[in-house]
PDB file of N, CA and C in Angstrom:
ATOM      1  N   MET A   1    -233.719  25.667 129.441  1.00  0.00           N
ATOM      2  CA  MET A   1    -233.850  24.761 130.005  1.00  0.00           C
ATOM      3  C   MET A   1    -235.368  23.984 130.100  1.00  0.00           C
ATOM      4  N   MET A   2    -235.597  22.983 130.907  1.00  0.00           N
ATOM      5  CA  MET A   2    -237.039  22.512 131.509  1.00  0.00           C
ATOM      6  C   MET A   2    -237.427  23.868 132.471  1.00  0.00           C
ATOM      7  N   ASN A   3    -238.857  23.437 132.090  1.00  0.00           N
ATOM      8  CA  ASN A   3    -239.664  23.720 133.226  1.00  0.00           C
ATOM      9  C   ASN A   3    -240.065  23.115 134.652  1.00  0.00           C
ATOM     10  N   SER A   4    -239.774  22.720 134.750  1.00  0.00           N
ATOM     11  CA  SER A   4    -239.701  21.640 136.170  1.00  0.00           C
ATOM     12  C   SER A   4    -239.723  21.329 137.588  1.00  0.00           C
ATOM     13  N   LYS A   5    -240.881  21.062 138.398  1.00  0.00           N
ATOM     14  CA  LYS A   5    -240.625  20.843 139.528  1.00  0.00           C
ATOM     15  C   LYS A   5    -240.238  20.492 140.297  1.00  0.00           C
ATOM     16  N   PHE A   6    -238.608  19.618 139.987  1.00  0.00           N
ATOM     17  CA  PHE A   6    -238.313  19.159 140.733  1.00  0.00           C
ATOM     18  C   PHE A   6    -237.588  18.850 142.450  1.00  0.00           C
ATOM     19  N   ASP A   7    -237.576  20.811 141.976  1.00  0.00           N
ATOM     20  CA  ASP A   7    -236.647  21.500 143.816  1.00  0.00           C
ATOM     21  C   ASP A   7    -237.579  21.279 144.904  1.00  0.00           C
ATOM     22  N   GLU A   8    -239.468  21.556 144.254  1.00  0.00           N
ATOM     23  CA  GLU A   8    -240.937  21.564 145.138  1.00  0.00           C
ATOM     24  C   GLU A   8    -240.785  20.023 145.201  1.00  0.00           C
ATOM     25  N   TYR A   9    -239.561  19.248 145.166  1.00  0.00           N
ATOM     26  CA  TYR A   9    -240.064  17.839 145.802  1.00  0.00           C
ATOM     27  C   TYR A   9    -239.453  17.071 146.187  1.00  0.00           C
ATOM     28  N   LEU A  10    -237.701  17.561 146.342  1.00  0.00           N
ATOM     29  CA  LEU A  10    -236.645  16.403 146.354  1.00  0.00           C
ATOM     30  C   LEU A  10    -236.289  17.698 147.495  1.00  0.00           C
ATOM     31  N   GLU A  11    -235.482  17.434 147.885  1.00  0.00           N
ATOM     32  CA  GLU A  11    -234.587  17.880 148.633  1.00  0.00           C
ATOM     33  C   GLU A  11    -233.228  17.225 148.103  1.00  0.00           C
ATOM     34  N   PHE A  12    -232.074  18.502 148.317  1.00  0.00           N
ATOM     35  CA  PHE A  12    -230.898  18.270 147.483  1.00  0.00           C
ATOM     36  C   PHE A  12    -229.825  18.255 147.870  1.00  0.00           C
ATOM     37  N   PRO A  13    -228.944  17.645 148.074  1.00  0.00           N
ATOM     38  CA  PRO A  13    -228.084  16.105 147.517  1.00  0.00           C
ATOM     39  C   PRO A  13    -229.113  15.191 147.228  1.00  0.00           C
ATOM     40  N   CYS A  14    -229.940  14.045 146.276  1.00  0.00           N
ATOM     41  CA  CYS A  14    -229.950  13.407 146.693  1.00  0.00           C
ATOM     42  C   CYS A  14    -229.624  12.202 145.731  1.00  0.00           C
ATOM     43  N   ALA A  15    -229.782  10.852 145.521  1.00  0.00           N
ATOM     44  CA  ALA A  15    -230.205  10.015 144.731  1.00  0.00           C
ATOM     45  C   ALA A  15    -231.256  10.133 143.976  1.00  0.00           C
ATOM     46  N   PHE A  16    -230.865   9.888 142.527  1.00  0.00           N
ATOM     47  CA  PHE A  16    -231.899  10.179 141.610  1.00  0.00           C
ATOM     48  C   PHE A  16    -232.154   8.971 140.441  1.00  0.00           C
ATOM     49  N   THR A  17    -233.198   8.418 140.245  1.00  0.00           N
ATOM     50  CA  THR A  17    -233.002   7.371 139.445  1.00  0.00           C
ATOM     51  C   THR A  17    -233.144   7.377 138.055  1.00  0.00           C
ATOM     52  N   PHE A  18    -232.606   7.215 136.986  1.00  0.00           N
ATOM     53  CA  PHE A  18    -232.901   7.680 135.397  1.00  0.00           C
ATOM     54  C   PHE A  18    -232.466   6.196 134.602  1.00  0.00           C
ATOM     55  N   LYS A  19    -233.611   5.776 133.648  1.00  0.00           N
ATOM     56  CA  LYS A  19    -233.911   4.589 132.712  1.00  0.00           C
ATOM     57  C   LYS A  19    -233.533   5.552 131.634  1.00  0.00           C
ATOM     58  N   VAL A  20    -232.596   4.917 130.991  1.00  0.00           N
ATOM     59  CA  VAL A  20    -232.245   5.097 129.770  1.00  0.00           C
ATOM     60  C   VAL A  20    -233.182   3.988 128.430  1.00  0.00           C
ATOM     61  N   MET A  21    -234.057   4.726 128.080  1.00  0.00           N
ATOM     62  CA  MET A  21    -233.543   3.496 126.719  1.00  0.00           C
ATOM     63  C   MET A  21    -233.470   3.934 124.998  1.00  0.00           C
ATOM     64  N   GLY A  22    -232.438   2.828 124.667  1.00  0.00           N
ATOM     65  CA  GLY A  22    -232.336   2.968 123.193  1.00  0.00           C
ATOM     66  C   GLY A  22    -232.561   1.577 122.565  1.00  0.00           C
ATOM     67  N   VAL A  23    -232.080   2.604 121.022  1.00  0.00           N
ATOM     68  CA  VAL A  23    -231.348   1.179 120.325  1.00  0.00           C
ATOM     69  C   VAL A  23    -229.880  -0.035 121.111  1.00  0.00           C
ATOM     70  N   ALA A  24    -230.565  -1.573 120.583  1.00  0.00           N
ATOM     71  CA  ALA A  24    -230.560  -2.592 121.761  1.00  0.00           C
ATOM     72  C   ALA A  24    -228.324  -2.752 121.096  1.00  0.00           C
ATOM     73  N   THR A  25    -227.468  -1.529 120.571  1.00  0.00           N
ATOM     74  CA  THR A  25    -226.477  -1.517 120.715  1.00  0.00           C
ATOM     75  C   THR A  25    -225.533  -1.652 121.700  1.00  0.00           C
ATOM     76  N   GLU A  26    -224.131  -2.275 120.764  1.00  0.00           N
ATOM     77  CA  GLU A  26    -223.534  -2.930 121.959  1.00  0.00           C
ATOM     78  C   GLU A  26    -222.774  -2.108 122.963  1.00  0.00           C
ATOM     79  N   THR A  27    -222.884  -0.506 122.343  1.00  0.00           N
ATOM     80  CA  THR A  27    -221.969   1.190 123.627  1.00  0.00           C
ATOM     81  C   THR A  27    -223.546   1.186 123.697  1.00  0.00           C
ATOM     82  N   LEU A  28    -224.548   1.519 124.353  1.00  0.00           N
ATOM     83  CA  LEU A  28    -225.217   1.993 125.259  1.00  0.00           C
ATOM     84  C   LEU A  28    -225.008   2.305 126.060  1.00  0.00           C
ATOM     85  N   GLU A  29    -224.924   1.486 126.768  1.00  0.00           N
ATOM     86  CA  GLU A  29    -224.344   0.982 128.256  1.00  0.00           C
ATOM     87  C   GLU A  29    -222.882   2.107 128.883  1.00  0.00           C
ATOM     88  N   GLN A  30    -222.448   2.187 128.000  1.00  0.00           N
ATOM     89  CA  GLN A  30    -221.365   2.390 127.554  1.00  0.00           C
ATOM     90  C   GLN A  30    -221.055   4.253 127.224  1.00  0.00           C
ATOM     91  N   GLU A  31    -222.201   4.567 126.563  1.00  0.00           N
ATOM     92  CA  GLU A  31    -222.172   5.496 125.660  1.00  0.00           C
ATOM     93  C   GLU A  31    -222.981   6.417 127.455  1.00  0.00           C
ATOM     94  N   VAL A  32    -224.071   5.813 127.725  1.00  0.00           N
ATOM     95  CA  VAL A  32    -224.828   6.199 129.160  1.00  0.00           C
ATOM     96  C   VAL A  32    -223.568   6.811 130.248  1.00  0.00           C
ATOM     97  N   LEU A  33    -222.747   5.830 130.303  1.00  0.00           N
ATOM     98  CA  LEU A  33    -222.234   6.239 131.887  1.00  0.00           C
ATOM     99  C   LEU A  33    -221.050   7.111 131.265  1.00  0.00           C
ATOM    100  N   GLU A  34    -220.765   7.538 130.574  1.00  0.00           N
ATOM    101  CA  GLU A  34    -219.397   7.983 129.873  1.00  0.00           C
ATOM    102  C   GLU A  34    -220.440   9.805 130.292  1.00  0.00           C
ATOM    103  N   VAL A  35    -221.475   9.723 129.347  1.00  0.00           N
ATOM    104  CA  VAL A  35    -221.993  11.242 130.117  1.00  0.00           C
ATOM    105  C   VAL A  35    -222.738  11.680 131.514  1.00  0.00           C
ATOM    106  N   VAL A  36    -222.656  10.511 131.704  1.00  0.00           N
ATOM    107  CA  VAL A  36    -222.631  10.332 133.421  1.00  0.00           C
ATOM    108  C   VAL A  36    -221.905  10.605 134.126  1.00  0.00           C
ATOM    109  N   GLN A  37    -220.460  10.158 133.946  1.00  0.00           N
ATOM    110  CA  GLN A  37    -219.497  10.236 134.697  1.00  0.00           C
ATOM    111  C   GLN A  37    -218.994  11.779 133.625  1.00  0.00           C
ATOM    112  N   ARG A  38    -218.918  12.673 132.563  1.00  0.00           N
ATOM    113  CA  ARG A  38    -219.433  13.535 132.545  1.00  0.00           C
ATOM    114  C   ARG A  38    -219.782  15.248 133.497  1.00  0.00           C
ATOM    115  N   LEU A  39    -221.008  14.730 134.071  1.00  0.00           N
ATOM    116  CA  LEU A  39    -221.444  15.370 134.686  1.00  0.00           C
ATOM    117  C   LEU A  39    -221.601  14.462 136.077  1.00  0.00           C
ATOM    118  N   ALA A  40    -221.907  13.736 136.662  1.00  0.00           N
ATOM    119  CA  ALA A  40    -221.905  13.864 138.079  1.00  0.00           C
ATOM    120  C   ALA A  40    -220.865  11.999 138.393  1.00  0.00           C
ATOM    121  N   PRO A  41    -219.714  12.184 138.671  1.00  0.00           N
ATOM    122  CA  PRO A  41    -218.641  11.407 138.622  1.00  0.00           C
ATOM    123  C   PRO A  41    -219.092  10.916 139.585  1.00  0.00           C
ATOM    124  N   GLY A  42    -218.963   9.390 139.543  1.00  0.00           N
ATOM    125  CA  GLY A  42    -218.825   8.652 140.645  1.00  0.00           C
ATOM    126  C   GLY A  42    -218.702   7.359 139.766  1.00  0.00           C
ATOM    127  N   ASN A  43    -218.712   5.757 141.164  1.00  0.00           N
ATOM    128  CA  ASN A  43    -219.224   4.435 141.109  1.00  0.00           C
ATOM    129  C   ASN A  43    -220.065   3.686 140.254  1.00  0.00           C
ATOM    130  N   TYR A  44    -221.097   3.425 138.708  1.00  0.00           N
ATOM    131  CA  TYR A  44    -221.787   3.748 138.948  1.00  0.00           C
ATOM    132  C   TYR A  44    -222.266   2.100 138.631  1.00  0.00           C
ATOM    133  N   SER A  45    -223.206   1.238 139.086  1.00  0.00           N
ATOM    134  CA  SER A  45    -223.593  -0.306 138.722  1.00  0.00           C
ATOM    135  C   SER A  45    -224.654  -0.194 137.719  1.00  0.00           C
ATOM    136  N   PRO A  46    -224.807  -0.016 136.593  1.00  0.00           N
ATOM    137  CA  PRO A  46    -226.129   0.280 135.681  1.00  0.00           C
ATOM    138  C   PRO A  46    -226.756  -1.209 135.401  1.00  0.00           C
ATOM    139  N   SER A  47    -228.304  -1.313 135.919  1.00  0.00           N
ATOM    140  CA  SER A  47    -228.871  -2.286 135.244  1.00  0.00           C
ATOM    141  C   SER A  47    -228.750  -2.608 133.998  1.00  0.00           C
ATOM    142  N   SER A  48    -229.242  -3.399 133.103  1.00  0.00           N
ATOM    143  CA  SER A  48    -229.071  -3.798 131.889  1.00  0.00           C
ATOM    144  C   SER A  48    -230.511  -4.619 131.617  1.00  0.00           C
ATOM    145  N   ARG A  49    -231.090  -4.348 130.670  1.00  0.00           N
ATOM    146  CA  ARG A  49    -231.812  -5.294 130.252  1.00  0.00           C
ATOM    147  C   ARG A  49    -232.574  -5.608 128.046  1.00  0.00           C
ATOM    148  N   LEU A  50    -232.491  -6.045 128.072  1.00  0.00           N
ATOM    149  CA  LEU A  50    -232.861  -6.568 126.667  1.00  0.00           C
ATOM    150  C   LEU A  50    -234.640  -6.226 126.661  1.00  0.00           C
ATOM    151  N   SER A  51    -235.146  -5.670 125.133  1.00  0.00           N
ATOM    152  CA  SER A  51    -236.137  -5.854 125.199  1.00  0.00           C
ATOM    153  C   SER A  51    -236.639  -7.730 124.753  1.00  0.00           C
ATOM    154  N   THR A  52    -237.903  -8.012 125.063  1.00  0.00           N
ATOM    155  CA  THR A  52    -238.420  -9.240 124.475  1.00  0.00           C
ATOM    156  C   THR A  52    -237.684  -9.436 122.875  1.00  0.00           C
ATOM    157  N   LYS A  53    -236.946  -8.531 122.235  1.00  0.00           N
ATOM    158  CA  LYS A  53    -237.257  -8.509 120.793  1.00  0.00           C
ATOM    159  C   LYS A  53    -236.087  -9.131 120.357  1.00  0.00           C
ATOM    160  N   GLY A  54    -235.093  -7.941 121.301  1.00  0.00           N
ATOM    161  CA  GLY A  54    -234.156  -7.833 121.216  1.00  0.00           C
ATOM    162  C   GLY A  54    -233.358  -6.656 120.614  1.00  0.00           C
ATOM    163  N   ASN A  55    -234.728  -5.897 120.000  1.00  0.00           N
ATOM    164  CA  ASN A  55    -233.935  -4.706 119.448  1.00  0.00           C
ATOM    165  C   ASN A  55    -233.482  -3.351 120.249  1.00  0.00           C
ATOM    166  N   TYR A  56    -234.169  -3.621 121.599  1.00  0.00           N
ATOM    167  CA  TYR A  56    -234.251  -2.468 122.289  1.00  0.00           C
ATOM    168  C   TYR A  56    -232.873  -2.469 123.950  1.00  0.00           C
ATOM    169  N   ARG A  57    -233.162  -1.837 124.014  1.00  0.00           N
ATOM    170  CA  ARG A  57    -232.127  -1.717 125.165  1.00  0.00           C
ATOM    171  C   ARG A  57    -232.854  -0.879 126.934  1.00  0.00           C
ATOM    172  N   SER A  58    -232.881  -1.533 128.186  1.00  0.00           N
ATOM    173  CA  SER A  58    -233.184  -0.125 128.874  1.00  0.00           C
ATOM    174  C   SER A  58    -231.744  -0.060 129.945  1.00  0.00           C
ATOM    175  N   VAL A  59    -231.615   0.930 130.436  1.00  0.00           N
ATOM    176  CA  VAL A  59    -230.295   1.428 131.250  1.00  0.00           C
ATOM    177  C   VAL A  59    -230.745   1.715 132.170  1.00  0.00           C
ATOM    178  N   SER A  60    -230.459   1.535 133.479  1.00  0.00           N
ATOM    179  CA  SER A  60    -231.202   2.237 134.622  1.00  0.00           C
ATOM    180  C   SER A  60    -229.827   2.508 135.835  1.00  0.00           C
ATOM    181  N   LEU A  61    -229.942   3.196 136.380  1.00  0.00           N
ATOM    182  CA  LEU A  61    -228.766   3.633 137.312  1.00  0.00           C
ATOM    183  C   LEU A  61    -229.160   5.054 138.569  1.00  0.00           C
ATOM    184  N   SER A  62    -228.845   4.406 139.396  1.00  0.00           N
ATOM    185  CA  SER A  62    -228.897   5.809 140.389  1.00  0.00           C
ATOM    186  C   SER A  62    -228.069   6.673 140.617  1.00  0.00           C
ATOM    187  N   ILE A  63    -228.113   8.368 139.951  1.00  0.00           N
ATOM    188  CA  ILE A  63    -226.962   8.753 140.618  1.00  0.00           C
ATOM    189  C   ILE A  63    -227.325  10.308 140.722  1.00  0.00           C
ATOM    190  N   GLN A  64    -226.395  10.458 141.917  1.00  0.00           N
ATOM    191  CA  GLN A  64    -226.523  11.263 142.923  1.00  0.00           C
ATOM    192  C   GLN A  64    -226.472  12.899 141.867  1.00  0.00           C
ATOM    193  N   VAL A  65    -227.783  13.243 142.465  1.00  0.00           N
ATOM    194  CA  VAL A  65    -227.846  14.812 141.719  1.00  0.00           C
ATOM    195  C   VAL A  65    -227.772  16.189 142.674  1.00  0.00           C
ATOM    196  N   THR A  66    -227.652  16.846 142.278  1.00  0.00           N
ATOM    197  CA  THR A  66    -227.102  18.018 142.898  1.00  0.00           C
ATOM    198  C   THR A  66    -227.894  19.274 143.489  1.00  0.00           C
ATOM    199  N   SER A  67    -229.276  19.900 142.229  1.00  0.00           N
ATOM    200  CA  SER A  67    -229.762  20.473 141.775  1.00  0.00           C
ATOM    201  C   SER A  67    -230.647  20.163 140.978  1.00  0.00           C
ATOM    202  N   LYS A  68    -232.450  20.823 140.931  1.00  0.00           N
ATOM    203  CA  LYS A  68    -233.182  20.323 139.548  1.00  0.00           C
ATOM    204  C   LYS A  68    -232.481  20.878 138.237  1.00  0.00           C
ATOM    205  N   GLU A  69    -231.480  22.010 137.783  1.00  0.00           N
ATOM    206  CA  GLU A  69    -230.480  22.255 136.989  1.00  0.00           C
ATOM    207  C   GLU A  69    -229.900  21.203 136.822  1.00  0.00           C
ATOM    208  N   HIS A  70    -229.081  19.987 137.815  1.00  0.00           N
ATOM    209  CA  HIS A  70    -228.360  19.528 137.383  1.00  0.00           C
ATOM    210  C   HIS A  70    -229.067  17.974 136.799  1.00  0.00           C
ATOM    211  N   ILE A  71    -230.644  17.805 137.451  1.00  0.00           N
ATOM    212  CA  ILE A  71    -231.459  17.011 136.987  1.00  0.00           C
ATOM    213  C   ILE A  71    -231.941  16.840 135.354  1.00  0.00           C
ATOM    214  N   GLU A  72    -232.495  18.199 134.822  1.00  0.00           N
ATOM    215  CA  GLU A  72    -232.605  18.601 133.544  1.00  0.00           C
ATOM    216  C   GLU A  72    -231.637  19.078 132.932  1.00  0.00           C
ATOM    217  N   THR A  73    -230.183  18.936 132.900  1.00  0.00           N
ATOM    218  CA  THR A  73    -228.957  18.938 132.189  1.00  0.00           C
ATOM    219  C   THR A  73    -228.177  17.123 132.473  1.00  0.00           C
ATOM    220  N   LEU A  74    -228.776  16.610 133.493  1.00  0.00           N
ATOM    221  CA  LEU A  74    -228.623  14.885 132.489  1.00  0.00           C
ATOM    222  C   LEU A  74    -229.883  14.398 131.187  1.00  0.00           C
ATOM    223  N   TYR A  75    -230.639  14.900 131.957  1.00  0.00           N
ATOM    224  CA  TYR A  75    -232.029  14.428 130.808  1.00  0.00           C
ATOM    225  C   TYR A  75    -231.580  14.487 129.348  1.00  0.00           C
ATOM    226  N   GLN A  76    -231.202  16.010 129.577  1.00  0.00           N
ATOM    227  CA  GLN A  76    -230.675  16.360 128.115  1.00  0.00           C
ATOM    228  C   GLN A  76    -230.204  15.872 127.390  1.00  0.00           C
ATOM    229  N   GLU A  77    -228.466  15.752 128.416  1.00  0.00           N
ATOM    230  CA  GLU A  77    -227.834  15.321 127.420  1.00  0.00           C
ATOM    231  C   GLU A  77    -227.590  13.664 127.635  1.00  0.00           C
ATOM    232  N   LEU A  78    -228.444  12.593 127.920  1.00  0.00           N
ATOM    233  CA  LEU A  78    -228.688  11.729 128.059  1.00  0.00           C
ATOM    234  C   LEU A  78    -229.652  11.815 126.784  1.00  0.00           C
ATOM    235  N   GLY A  79    -230.799  12.280 126.743  1.00  0.00           N
ATOM    236  CA  GLY A  79    -231.022  11.930 125.177  1.00  0.00           C
ATOM    237  C   GLY A  79    -230.605  12.462 124.119  1.00  0.00           C
ATOM    238  N   ALA A  80    -229.357  12.963 123.900  1.00  0.00           N
ATOM    239  CA  ALA A  80    -228.685  13.670 122.951  1.00  0.00           C
ATOM    240  C   ALA A  80    -227.751  12.415 122.475  1.00  0.00           C
ATOM    241  N   ILE A  81    -228.174  10.965 123.180  1.00  0.00           N
ATOM    242  CA  ILE A  81    -226.654  10.763 122.510  1.00  0.00           C
ATOM    243  C   ILE A  81    -227.770   9.749 121.823  1.00  0.00           C
ATOM    244  N   GLU A  82    -227.077   9.381 120.483  1.00  0.00           N
ATOM    245  CA  GLU A  82    -227.915   9.120 119.169  1.00  0.00           C
ATOM    246  C   GLU A  82    -229.091   7.722 119.344  1.00  0.00           C
ATOM    247  N   ASP A  83    -228.547   6.782 119.497  1.00  0.00           N
ATOM    248  CA  ASP A  83    -229.353   5.904 119.769  1.00  0.00           C
ATOM    249  C   ASP A  83    -230.200   6.024 121.015  1.00  0.00           C
ATOM    250  N   VAL A  84    -230.724   7.005 121.611  1.00  0.00           N
ATOM    251  CA  VAL A  84    -231.102   6.326 122.717  1.00  0.00           C
ATOM    252  C   VAL A  84    -232.400   6.741 122.599  1.00  0.00           C
ATOM    253  N   ARG A  85    -234.047   6.842 122.977  1.00  0.00           N
ATOM    254  CA  ARG A  85    -235.170   6.756 122.167  1.00  0.00           C
ATOM    255  C   ARG A  85    -236.368   7.328 123.351  1.00  0.00           C
ATOM    256  N   HIS A  86    -235.804   7.542 124.460  1.00  0.00           N
ATOM    257  CA  HIS A  86    -236.159   7.788 125.458  1.00  0.00           C
ATOM    258  C   HIS A  86    -235.346   8.029 126.932  1.00  0.00           C
ATOM    259  N   VAL A  87    -236.181   9.037 127.290  1.00  0.00           N
ATOM    260  CA  VAL A  87    -235.158   9.084 129.155  1.00  0.00           C
ATOM    261  C   VAL A  87    -236.273   9.330 130.234  1.00  0.00           C
ATOM    262  N   LEU A  88    -236.332   8.393 131.615  1.00  0.00           N
ATOM    263  CA  LEU A  88    -237.049   8.825 131.923  1.00  0.00           C
ATOM    264  C   LEU A  88    -236.857   9.001 133.200  1.00  0.00           C
TER     265      LEU A  88
END
């Protein structure tokens, strides 16, 4: 696991915004939602934006998290998606 300090700065449960950036494939947003639904089921409405040249896409969504470990697991699982390059 990561050695983050989320538990020092956040009061759980809370909404936490993730921004996932990856190659602009047709399935990126769906793959992100599949991971999120598996780890934090809910009704999500992600916002998605293409880069200027259209090579990359960013997907942002606010997720209800329950602990520091929950956030860290989401970062790791979202980062493991093949076309994802960064998770912020």
